[in-house]
Amino acid sequence: MTSLDLPLAPAPAASPESALAALRKELLDLDRVVVAFSGGVDSSLLAWVAADTLGDGALALTAVSPSLAEREQHDCRELAAEWGMQWGEVETDEMLNAAYRVNDANRCFHCKDALMDQIGPVADERNAVAVLGVNLDDLGDHRPGQLAAAQRGARFPLVDAGFDKALIREVSRTLGLRTADKPAAACLASRLPYGTPVSLGVLRSVDRAEANLVALGFDALRVRHYDDIARIEVPTDRLADVVAQHETVVEAVKAAGYRYVTLDLEGLRSGNLNQALQVD
């Protein structure tokens, strides 16, 4: 499987104003939507604009599973209340799928397939369309989940309206959304190198380690799981802070069950485990 092929994907919108207008038009054309709402910057903008544009015609749903960090689940609930959105939770069962647990290069396909198993029927009941917060920057990476969602009838209004990640943050800032500068927060399974089986125990260890580090003030981070070794990624301008607090950092990560704690000197790189898929 490959990333979703969208040969006619538009160029980024010319301005925040035109992008927002285009997004509202896309949503009005869809008429009724169910937004897959993870609380990240992309789906948050999509959910807020959908609610503001369509009113009762928009429903945000958060998929709850062991791969969703507990702090992100709480933030979804808080955002929905702050913004007065129609919102709910659905439980997904990707962990029951052996093909998902194997954690090969198509893990995300099985994850999004499980997501569509839950939000698809809700959208059908509401005579609505399932929409995901995919943006133009996502199209160039290995994202088999996009293919799974598209095959099940999901739409990507941010792509159709010409949004890349920078524009999403800019428009979110213009609208006063507190998610505008929120660090990217991919699912916990993305912390495991391909080929490392996904298990409840591993996901809980990653979640706890990251939550402990967030409590120390490191809000943008990843804890990559290598058996009993944790590899910490933070932005390069925070590397010195980790070193300065190394005793506390080590204690926080070991409390999650790791024996060894390492710091990646290249810093935080979203999706960097996909490098293992590249062939020279």
C-alpha atoms as a PDB file:
ATOM      1  CA  MET A   1       0.000   0.000   0.000  1.00  0.00           C
ATOM      2  CA  THR A   2       1.091   3.537  -0.644  1.00  0.00           C
ATOM      3  CA  SER A   3       0.042   6.966   0.524  1.00  0.00           C
ATOM      4  CA  LEU A   4      -3.139   8.319  -0.952  1.00  0.00           C
ATOM      5  CA  ASP A   5      -2.667   9.419  -4.532  1.00  0.00           C
ATOM      6  CA  LEU A   6      -4.344  12.767  -5.158  1.00  0.00           C
ATOM      7  CA  PRO A   7      -2.990  13.976  -8.503  1.00  0.00           C
ATOM      8  CA  LEU A   8      -5.362  16.926  -8.586  1.00  0.00           C
ATOM      9  CA  ALA A   9      -4.645  18.135  -5.042  1.00  0.00           C
ATOM     10  CA  PRO A  10      -4.679  21.957  -5.055  1.00  0.00           C
ATOM     11  CA  ALA A  11      -1.774  24.223  -4.269  1.00  0.00           C
ATOM     12  CA  PRO A  12      -1.826  25.918  -0.862  1.00  0.00           C
ATOM     13  CA  ALA A  13      -4.403  28.691  -0.624  1.00  0.00           C
ATOM     14  CA  ALA A  14      -3.214  32.216  -1.342  1.00  0.00           C
ATOM     15  CA  SER A  15      -4.194  33.702   2.028  1.00  0.00           C
ATOM     16  CA  PRO A  16      -5.727  32.735   5.379  1.00  0.00           C
ATOM     17  CA  GLU A  17      -8.935  34.538   4.407  1.00  0.00           C
ATOM     18  CA  SER A  18      -9.322  32.704   1.115  1.00  0.00           C
ATOM     19  CA  ALA A  19      -8.449  29.391   2.753  1.00  0.00           C
ATOM     20  CA  LEU A  20     -11.073  29.818   5.451  1.00  0.00           C
ATOM     21  CA  ALA A  21     -13.681  30.841   2.888  1.00  0.00           C
ATOM     22  CA  ALA A  22     -12.807  27.809   0.749  1.00  0.00           C
ATOM     23  CA  LEU A  23     -13.066  25.501   3.759  1.00  0.00           C
ATOM     24  CA  ARG A  24     -16.481  26.853   4.677  1.00  0.00           C
ATOM     25  CA  LYS A  25     -17.620  26.336   1.088  1.00  0.00           C
ATOM     26  CA  GLU A  26     -16.367  22.731   1.087  1.00  0.00           C
ATOM     27  CA  LEU A  27     -18.283  22.048   4.282  1.00  0.00           C
ATOM     28  CA  LEU A  28     -21.440  23.744   3.036  1.00  0.00           C
ATOM     29  CA  ASP A  29     -21.275  21.619  -0.102  1.00  0.00           C
ATOM     30  CA  LEU A  30     -21.061  18.495   2.064  1.00  0.00           C
ATOM     31  CA  ASP A  31     -24.006  19.833   4.112  1.00  0.00           C
ATOM     32  CA  ARG A  32     -23.667  17.441   7.069  1.00  0.00           C
ATOM     33  CA  VAL A  33     -20.417  16.029   8.432  1.00  0.00           C
ATOM     34  CA  VAL A  34     -18.992  13.807  11.145  1.00  0.00           C
ATOM     35  CA  VAL A  35     -15.481  14.988  12.021  1.00  0.00           C
ATOM     36  CA  ALA A  36     -12.869  12.529  13.260  1.00  0.00           C
ATOM     37  CA  PHE A  37     -11.635  14.699  16.128  1.00  0.00           C
ATOM     38  CA  SER A  38      -8.325  13.820  17.789  1.00  0.00           C
ATOM     39  CA  GLY A  39      -7.745  17.194  19.439  1.00  0.00           C
ATOM     40  CA  GLY A  40      -4.705  17.929  17.268  1.00  0.00           C
ATOM     41  CA  VAL A  41      -4.263  21.208  15.438  1.00  0.00           C
ATOM     42  CA  ASP A  42      -5.619  19.853  12.127  1.00  0.00           C
ATOM     43  CA  SER A  43      -8.793  18.133  13.299  1.00  0.00           C
ATOM     44  CA  SER A  44      -9.435  20.911  15.810  1.00  0.00           C
ATOM     45  CA  LEU A  45      -9.573  23.560  13.106  1.00  0.00           C
ATOM     46  CA  LEU A  46     -11.757  21.326  10.952  1.00  0.00           C
ATOM     47  CA  ALA A  47     -14.123  20.556  13.846  1.00  0.00           C
ATOM     48  CA  TRP A  48     -14.388  24.196  14.942  1.00  0.00           C
ATOM     49  CA  VAL A  49     -15.071  25.525  11.445  1.00  0.00           C
ATOM     50  CA  ALA A  50     -17.544  22.707  10.763  1.00  0.00           C
ATOM     51  CA  ALA A  51     -19.475  23.505  13.944  1.00  0.00           C
ATOM     52  CA  ASP A  52     -19.365  27.236  13.252  1.00  0.00           C
ATOM     53  CA  THR A  53     -20.463  26.774   9.631  1.00  0.00           C
ATOM     54  CA  LEU A  54     -22.960  23.915   9.855  1.00  0.00           C
ATOM     55  CA  GLY A  55     -24.248  24.151  13.422  1.00  0.00           C
ATOM     56  CA  ASP A  56     -26.215  20.998  14.225  1.00  0.00           C
ATOM     57  CA  GLY A  57     -25.078  19.583  10.885  1.00  0.00           C
ATOM     58  CA  ALA A  58     -21.628  18.918  12.367  1.00  0.00           C
ATOM     59  CA  LEU A  59     -20.718  16.263  14.905  1.00  0.00           C
ATOM     60  CA  ALA A  60     -17.191  15.716  16.246  1.00  0.00           C
ATOM     61  CA  LEU A  61     -16.289  12.178  17.314  1.00  0.00           C
ATOM     62  CA  THR A  62     -13.146  11.172  19.186  1.00  0.00           C
ATOM     63  CA  ALA A  63     -11.912   7.618  18.627  1.00  0.00           C
ATOM     64  CA  VAL A  64     -10.836   6.132  21.948  1.00  0.00           C
ATOM     65  CA  SER A  65      -8.381   3.243  22.009  1.00  0.00           C
ATOM     66  CA  PRO A  66      -5.168   2.292  23.829  1.00  0.00           C
ATOM     67  CA  SER A  67      -3.197   4.219  21.176  1.00  0.00           C
ATOM     68  CA  LEU A  68      -4.798   7.540  22.215  1.00  0.00           C
ATOM     69  CA  ALA A  69      -2.834   9.270  24.959  1.00  0.00           C
ATOM     70  CA  GLU A  70      -4.973   9.846  28.036  1.00  0.00           C
ATOM     71  CA  ARG A  71      -4.090  13.547  28.099  1.00  0.00           C
ATOM     72  CA  GLU A  72      -5.294  13.904  24.493  1.00  0.00           C
ATOM     73  CA  GLN A  73      -8.621  12.266  25.310  1.00  0.00           C
ATOM     74  CA  HIS A  74      -9.123  14.726  28.161  1.00  0.00           C
ATOM     75  CA  ASP A  75      -8.211  17.647  25.920  1.00  0.00           C
ATOM     76  CA  CYS A  76     -10.793  16.594  23.306  1.00  0.00           C
ATOM     77  CA  ARG A  77     -13.474  16.649  25.977  1.00  0.00           C
ATOM     78  CA  GLU A  78     -12.367  20.070  27.199  1.00  0.00           C
ATOM     79  CA  LEU A  79     -12.151  21.563  23.716  1.00  0.00           C
ATOM     80  CA  ALA A  80     -15.621  20.329  22.817  1.00  0.00           C
ATOM     81  CA  ALA A  81     -17.026  21.945  25.953  1.00  0.00           C
ATOM     82  CA  GLU A  82     -15.121  25.209  25.393  1.00  0.00           C
ATOM     83  CA  TRP A  83     -16.305  25.488  21.801  1.00  0.00           C
ATOM     84  CA  GLY A  84     -19.851  24.257  22.367  1.00  0.00           C
ATOM     85  CA  MET A  85     -19.514  21.542  19.725  1.00  0.00           C
ATOM     86  CA  GLN A  86     -21.701  18.499  19.340  1.00  0.00           C
ATOM     87  CA  TRP A  87     -19.230  15.832  20.431  1.00  0.00           C
ATOM     88  CA  GLY A  88     -18.991  12.216  21.441  1.00  0.00           C
ATOM     89  CA  GLU A  89     -16.595   9.315  21.837  1.00  0.00           C
ATOM     90  CA  VAL A  90     -16.468   5.995  20.014  1.00  0.00           C
ATOM     91  CA  GLU A  91     -14.294   3.036  20.922  1.00  0.00           C
ATOM     92  CA  THR A  92     -12.240   1.483  18.143  1.00  0.00           C
ATOM     93  CA  ASP A  93     -10.999  -2.097  18.216  1.00  0.00           C
ATOM     94  CA  GLU A  94      -7.850  -2.073  16.090  1.00  0.00           C
ATOM     95  CA  MET A  95      -6.013  -3.940  18.877  1.00  0.00           C
ATOM     96  CA  LEU A  96      -8.157  -6.994  18.104  1.00  0.00           C
ATOM     97  CA  ASN A  97      -6.719  -7.104  14.587  1.00  0.00           C
ATOM     98  CA  ALA A  98      -3.552  -9.207  14.365  1.00  0.00           C
ATOM     99  CA  ALA A  99      -2.540  -7.343  11.205  1.00  0.00           C
ATOM    100  CA  TYR A 100      -2.494  -4.116  13.219  1.00  0.00           C
ATOM    101  CA  ARG A 101      -0.601  -5.590  16.166  1.00  0.00           C
ATOM    102  CA  VAL A 102       2.139  -6.921  13.870  1.00  0.00           C
ATOM    103  CA  ASN A 103       3.026  -3.264  13.258  1.00  0.00           C
ATOM    104  CA  ASP A 104       4.265  -3.430   9.708  1.00  0.00           C
ATOM    105  CA  ALA A 105       4.333  -0.507   7.283  1.00  0.00           C
ATOM    106  CA  ASN A 106       0.544  -0.687   6.835  1.00  0.00           C
ATOM    107  CA  ARG A 107      -0.393  -0.388  10.510  1.00  0.00           C
ATOM    108  CA  CYS A 108      -2.115   2.941   9.920  1.00  0.00           C
ATOM    109  CA  PHE A 109      -4.305   1.390   7.215  1.00  0.00           C
ATOM    110  CA  HIS A 110      -5.786  -1.023   9.745  1.00  0.00           C
ATOM    111  CA  CYS A 111      -6.145   1.740  12.326  1.00  0.00           C
ATOM    112  CA  LYS A 112      -8.106   4.036  10.005  1.00  0.00           C
ATOM    113  CA  ASP A 113     -10.148   1.090   8.796  1.00  0.00           C
ATOM    114  CA  ALA A 114     -11.188   0.468  12.409  1.00  0.00           C
ATOM    115  CA  LEU A 115     -11.952   4.178  12.773  1.00  0.00           C
ATOM    116  CA  MET A 116     -14.231   4.103   9.747  1.00  0.00           C
ATOM    117  CA  ASP A 117     -15.981   1.023  11.182  1.00  0.00           C
ATOM    118  CA  GLN A 118     -17.158   3.307  13.984  1.00  0.00           C
ATOM    119  CA  ILE A 119     -17.704   6.749  12.478  1.00  0.00           C
ATOM    120  CA  GLY A 120     -18.973   5.497   9.105  1.00  0.00           C
ATOM    121  CA  PRO A 121     -22.244   4.113  10.495  1.00  0.00           C
ATOM    122  CA  VAL A 122     -22.762   7.271  12.568  1.00  0.00           C
ATOM    123  CA  ALA A 123     -22.320   9.372   9.439  1.00  0.00           C
ATOM    124  CA  ASP A 124     -24.764   7.135   7.562  1.00  0.00           C
ATOM    125  CA  GLU A 125     -27.367   7.481  10.318  1.00  0.00           C
ATOM    126  CA  ARG A 126     -27.055  11.251  10.148  1.00  0.00           C
ATOM    127  CA  ASN A 127     -27.044  11.329   6.346  1.00  0.00           C
ATOM    128  CA  ALA A 128     -23.624  12.917   6.696  1.00  0.00           C
ATOM    129  CA  VAL A 129     -20.100  12.533   5.338  1.00  0.00           C
ATOM    130  CA  ALA A 130     -17.134  11.435   7.462  1.00  0.00           C
ATOM    131  CA  VAL A 131     -14.336  14.002   7.255  1.00  0.00           C
ATOM    132  CA  LEU A 132     -10.722  13.792   8.450  1.00  0.00           C
ATOM    133  CA  GLY A 133      -8.150  16.485   9.194  1.00  0.00           C
ATOM    134  CA  VAL A 134      -5.685  15.477   6.465  1.00  0.00           C
ATOM    135  CA  ASN A 135      -3.740  18.402   5.005  1.00  0.00           C
ATOM    136  CA  LEU A 136      -1.530  18.921   1.958  1.00  0.00           C
ATOM    137  CA  ASP A 137       1.690  18.208   3.865  1.00  0.00           C
ATOM    138  CA  ASP A 138       0.387  14.749   4.776  1.00  0.00           C
ATOM    139  CA  LEU A 139       0.173  13.690   1.151  1.00  0.00           C
ATOM    140  CA  GLY A 140       3.926  13.363   0.647  1.00  0.00           C
ATOM    141  CA  ASP A 141       4.597  11.011   3.567  1.00  0.00           C
ATOM    142  CA  HIS A 142       3.837   7.316   4.000  1.00  0.00           C
ATOM    143  CA  ARG A 143       0.226   7.559   5.187  1.00  0.00           C
ATOM    144  CA  PRO A 144      -1.687   4.371   4.332  1.00  0.00           C
ATOM    145  CA  GLY A 145      -4.424   5.476   6.725  1.00  0.00           C
ATOM    146  CA  GLN A 146      -5.468   8.093   4.189  1.00  0.00           C
ATOM    147  CA  LEU A 147      -6.048   5.348   1.646  1.00  0.00           C
ATOM    148  CA  ALA A 148      -8.152   3.313   4.084  1.00  0.00           C
ATOM    149  CA  ALA A 149     -10.322   6.313   4.934  1.00  0.00           C
ATOM    150  CA  ALA A 150     -10.745   7.398   1.318  1.00  0.00           C
ATOM    151  CA  GLN A 151     -11.731   3.873   0.268  1.00  0.00           C
ATOM    152  CA  ARG A 152     -14.476   4.002   2.890  1.00  0.00           C
ATOM    153  CA  GLY A 153     -15.854   7.290   1.575  1.00  0.00           C
ATOM    154  CA  ALA A 154     -14.184   9.811   3.888  1.00  0.00           C
ATOM    155  CA  ARG A 155     -13.414  13.283   2.605  1.00  0.00           C
ATOM    156  CA  PHE A 156     -10.509  15.625   3.367  1.00  0.00           C
ATOM    157  CA  PRO A 157     -11.864  19.200   3.295  1.00  0.00           C
ATOM    158  CA  LEU A 158      -8.577  20.771   4.419  1.00  0.00           C
ATOM    159  CA  VAL A 159      -6.862  19.298   1.358  1.00  0.00           C
ATOM    160  CA  ASP A 160      -9.659  20.433  -0.957  1.00  0.00           C
ATOM    161  CA  ALA A 161      -9.467  23.953   0.496  1.00  0.00           C
ATOM    162  CA  GLY A 162      -5.682  24.168   0.019  1.00  0.00           C
ATOM    163  CA  PHE A 163      -4.489  23.952   3.637  1.00  0.00           C
ATOM    164  CA  ASP A 164      -0.976  22.918   4.565  1.00  0.00           C
ATOM    165  CA  LYS A 165       0.190  22.686   8.183  1.00  0.00           C
ATOM    166  CA  ALA A 166       1.514  26.247   8.361  1.00  0.00           C
ATOM    167  CA  LEU A 167      -1.765  27.648   7.040  1.00  0.00           C
ATOM    168  CA  ILE A 168      -3.757  25.551   9.510  1.00  0.00           C
ATOM    169  CA  ARG A 169      -1.798  27.082  12.365  1.00  0.00           C
ATOM    170  CA  GLU A 170      -2.111  30.591  10.932  1.00  0.00           C
ATOM    171  CA  VAL A 171      -5.879  30.373  10.468  1.00  0.00           C
ATOM    172  CA  SER A 172      -6.283  28.768  13.896  1.00  0.00           C
ATOM    173  CA  ARG A 173      -4.361  31.694  15.381  1.00  0.00           C
ATOM    174  CA  THR A 174      -6.566  34.168  13.527  1.00  0.00           C
ATOM    175  CA  LEU A 175      -9.655  32.461  14.958  1.00  0.00           C
ATOM    176  CA  GLY A 176      -8.203  32.508  18.459  1.00  0.00           C
ATOM    177  CA  LEU A 177      -8.113  28.724  18.837  1.00  0.00           C
ATOM    178  CA  ARG A 178      -5.804  27.602  21.635  1.00  0.00           C
ATOM    179  CA  THR A 179      -4.766  24.630  19.515  1.00  0.00           C
ATOM    180  CA  ALA A 180      -2.958  26.900  17.034  1.00  0.00           C
ATOM    181  CA  ASP A 181       0.464  26.236  18.548  1.00  0.00           C
ATOM    182  CA  LYS A 182      -0.264  22.821  20.010  1.00  0.00           C
ATOM    183  CA  PRO A 183       2.584  20.379  19.350  1.00  0.00           C
ATOM    184  CA  ALA A 184       1.838  17.532  16.965  1.00  0.00           C
ATOM    185  CA  ALA A 185       0.597  14.454  18.816  1.00  0.00           C
ATOM    186  CA  ALA A 186       0.454  11.308  16.692  1.00  0.00           C
ATOM    187  CA  CYS A 187      -0.975   8.071  18.083  1.00  0.00           C
ATOM    188  CA  LEU A 188       1.114   6.224  20.648  1.00  0.00           C
ATOM    189  CA  ALA A 189       1.705   3.301  18.285  1.00  0.00           C
ATOM    190  CA  SER A 190       3.787   5.635  16.106  1.00  0.00           C
ATOM    191  CA  ARG A 191       6.472   5.525  18.831  1.00  0.00           C
ATOM    192  CA  LEU A 192       7.229   1.885  18.002  1.00  0.00           C
ATOM    193  CA  PRO A 193       9.632   1.005  15.172  1.00  0.00           C
ATOM    194  CA  TYR A 194       7.999  -1.050  12.437  1.00  0.00           C
ATOM    195  CA  GLY A 195       8.181  -4.730  13.322  1.00  0.00           C
ATOM    196  CA  THR A 196       7.871  -4.169  17.071  1.00  0.00           C
ATOM    197  CA  PRO A 197       4.519  -5.710  18.032  1.00  0.00           C
ATOM    198  CA  VAL A 198       1.909  -3.338  19.429  1.00  0.00           C
ATOM    199  CA  SER A 199       0.685  -4.355  22.873  1.00  0.00           C
ATOM    200  CA  LEU A 200      -1.321  -2.719  25.642  1.00  0.00           C
ATOM    201  CA  GLY A 201       1.677  -2.844  27.953  1.00  0.00           C
ATOM    202  CA  VAL A 202       3.962  -1.060  25.508  1.00  0.00           C
ATOM    203  CA  LEU A 203       1.404   1.647  24.742  1.00  0.00           C
ATOM    204  CA  ARG A 204       0.827   2.255  28.445  1.00  0.00           C
ATOM    205  CA  SER A 205       4.558   2.556  29.064  1.00  0.00           C
ATOM    206  CA  VAL A 206       4.952   5.105  26.280  1.00  0.00           C
ATOM    207  CA  ASP A 207       1.905   7.046  27.474  1.00  0.00           C
ATOM    208  CA  ARG A 208       3.124   7.144  31.060  1.00  0.00           C
ATOM    209  CA  ALA A 209       6.675   8.132  30.100  1.00  0.00           C
ATOM    210  CA  GLU A 210       5.462  10.979  27.909  1.00  0.00           C
ATOM    211  CA  ALA A 211       2.926  12.151  30.499  1.00  0.00           C
ATOM    212  CA  ASN A 212       5.688  12.243  33.123  1.00  0.00           C
ATOM    213  CA  LEU A 213       7.871  14.357  30.830  1.00  0.00           C
ATOM    214  CA  VAL A 214       5.006  16.687  29.964  1.00  0.00           C
ATOM    215  CA  ALA A 215       4.602  17.237  33.713  1.00  0.00           C
ATOM    216  CA  LEU A 216       8.246  18.361  33.758  1.00  0.00           C
ATOM    217  CA  GLY A 217       7.502  20.997  31.122  1.00  0.00           C
ATOM    218  CA  PHE A 218       8.428  19.170  27.907  1.00  0.00           C
ATOM    219  CA  ASP A 219       5.195  19.582  25.966  1.00  0.00           C
ATOM    220  CA  ALA A 220       6.639  18.832  22.508  1.00  0.00           C
ATOM    221  CA  LEU A 221       8.254  15.410  22.628  1.00  0.00           C
ATOM    222  CA  ARG A 222       8.248  11.756  21.621  1.00  0.00           C
ATOM    223  CA  VAL A 223       9.377   8.743  23.609  1.00  0.00           C
ATOM    224  CA  ARG A 224      10.433   6.125  21.060  1.00  0.00           C
ATOM    225  CA  HIS A 225      10.178   2.566  22.354  1.00  0.00           C
ATOM    226  CA  TYR A 226      13.017   0.077  21.851  1.00  0.00           C
ATOM    227  CA  ASP A 227      12.209  -2.775  24.255  1.00  0.00           C
ATOM    228  CA  ASP A 228      13.735  -1.635  27.574  1.00  0.00           C
ATOM    229  CA  ILE A 229      15.312   1.464  26.006  1.00  0.00           C
ATOM    230  CA  ALA A 230      13.458   4.778  25.720  1.00  0.00           C
ATOM    231  CA  ARG A 231      14.761   7.277  23.176  1.00  0.00           C
ATOM    232  CA  ILE A 232      13.591  10.795  23.974  1.00  0.00           C
ATOM    233  CA  GLU A 233      13.033  13.324  21.202  1.00  0.00           C
ATOM    234  CA  VAL A 234      12.509  17.004  22.000  1.00  0.00           C
ATOM    235  CA  PRO A 235      13.073  20.095  19.821  1.00  0.00           C
ATOM    236  CA  THR A 236      16.776  20.857  19.498  1.00  0.00           C
ATOM    237  CA  ASP A 237      16.392  24.071  21.494  1.00  0.00           C
ATOM    238  CA  ARG A 238      15.238  21.959  24.467  1.00  0.00           C
ATOM    239  CA  LEU A 239      18.075  19.429  24.410  1.00  0.00           C
ATOM    240  CA  ALA A 240      20.067  21.416  26.963  1.00  0.00           C
ATOM    241  CA  ASP A 241      17.030  21.521  29.244  1.00  0.00           C
ATOM    242  CA  VAL A 242      16.803  17.735  29.213  1.00  0.00           C
ATOM    243  CA  VAL A 243      20.500  17.443  30.059  1.00  0.00           C
ATOM    244  CA  ALA A 244      20.175  20.020  32.835  1.00  0.00           C
ATOM    245  CA  GLN A 245      17.343  17.972  34.363  1.00  0.00           C
ATOM    246  CA  HIS A 246      18.773  14.594  33.419  1.00  0.00           C
ATOM    247  CA  GLU A 247      18.363  12.993  36.836  1.00  0.00           C
ATOM    248  CA  THR A 248      14.676  13.967  37.040  1.00  0.00           C
ATOM    249  CA  VAL A 249      14.103  13.000  33.409  1.00  0.00           C
ATOM    250  CA  VAL A 250      15.678   9.578  33.882  1.00  0.00           C
ATOM    251  CA  GLU A 251      13.609   8.982  37.005  1.00  0.00           C
ATOM    252  CA  ALA A 252      10.404  10.006  35.191  1.00  0.00           C
ATOM    253  CA  VAL A 253      11.013   7.663  32.258  1.00  0.00           C
ATOM    254  CA  LYS A 254      12.206   4.732  34.344  1.00  0.00           C
ATOM    255  CA  ALA A 255       9.010   5.061  36.385  1.00  0.00           C
ATOM    256  CA  ALA A 256       7.194   4.016  33.206  1.00  0.00           C
ATOM    257  CA  GLY A 257       9.103   0.729  33.112  1.00  0.00           C
ATOM    258  CA  TYR A 258      12.184   1.487  30.999  1.00  0.00           C
ATOM    259  CA  ARG A 259      15.659   0.354  32.043  1.00  0.00           C
ATOM    260  CA  TYR A 260      17.700   2.718  29.889  1.00  0.00           C
ATOM    261  CA  VAL A 261      16.984   6.323  28.903  1.00  0.00           C
ATOM    262  CA  THR A 262      18.626   7.976  25.892  1.00  0.00           C
ATOM    263  CA  LEU A 263      18.355  11.402  24.266  1.00  0.00           C
ATOM    264  CA  ASP A 264      18.223  11.798  20.473  1.00  0.00           C
ATOM    265  CA  LEU A 265      20.600  14.627  19.566  1.00  0.00           C
ATOM    266  CA  GLU A 266      18.861  15.156  16.213  1.00  0.00           C
ATOM    267  CA  GLY A 267      15.822  16.398  18.080  1.00  0.00           C
ATOM    268  CA  LEU A 268      12.112  15.922  17.516  1.00  0.00           C
ATOM    269  CA  ARG A 269      11.167  14.737  14.016  1.00  0.00           C
ATOM    270  CA  SER A 270       7.542  13.857  13.439  1.00  0.00           C
ATOM    271  CA  GLY A 271       7.224  10.608  11.476  1.00  0.00           C
ATOM    272  CA  ASN A 272      10.954   9.936  11.504  1.00  0.00           C
ATOM    273  CA  LEU A 273      10.467   6.178  11.930  1.00  0.00           C
ATOM    274  CA  ASN A 274       9.171   6.168   8.356  1.00  0.00           C
ATOM    275  CA  GLN A 275      12.817   6.562   7.284  1.00  0.00           C
ATOM    276  CA  ALA A 276      13.142   2.818   7.771  1.00  0.00           C
ATOM    277  CA  LEU A 277      10.809   2.372   4.787  1.00  0.00           C
ATOM    278  CA  GLN A 278      13.036   4.280   2.398  1.00  0.00           C
ATOM    279  CA  VAL A 279      15.036   2.250  -0.085  1.00  0.00           C
ATOM    280  CA  ASP A 280      18.164   3.658  -1.720  1.00  0.00           C
END
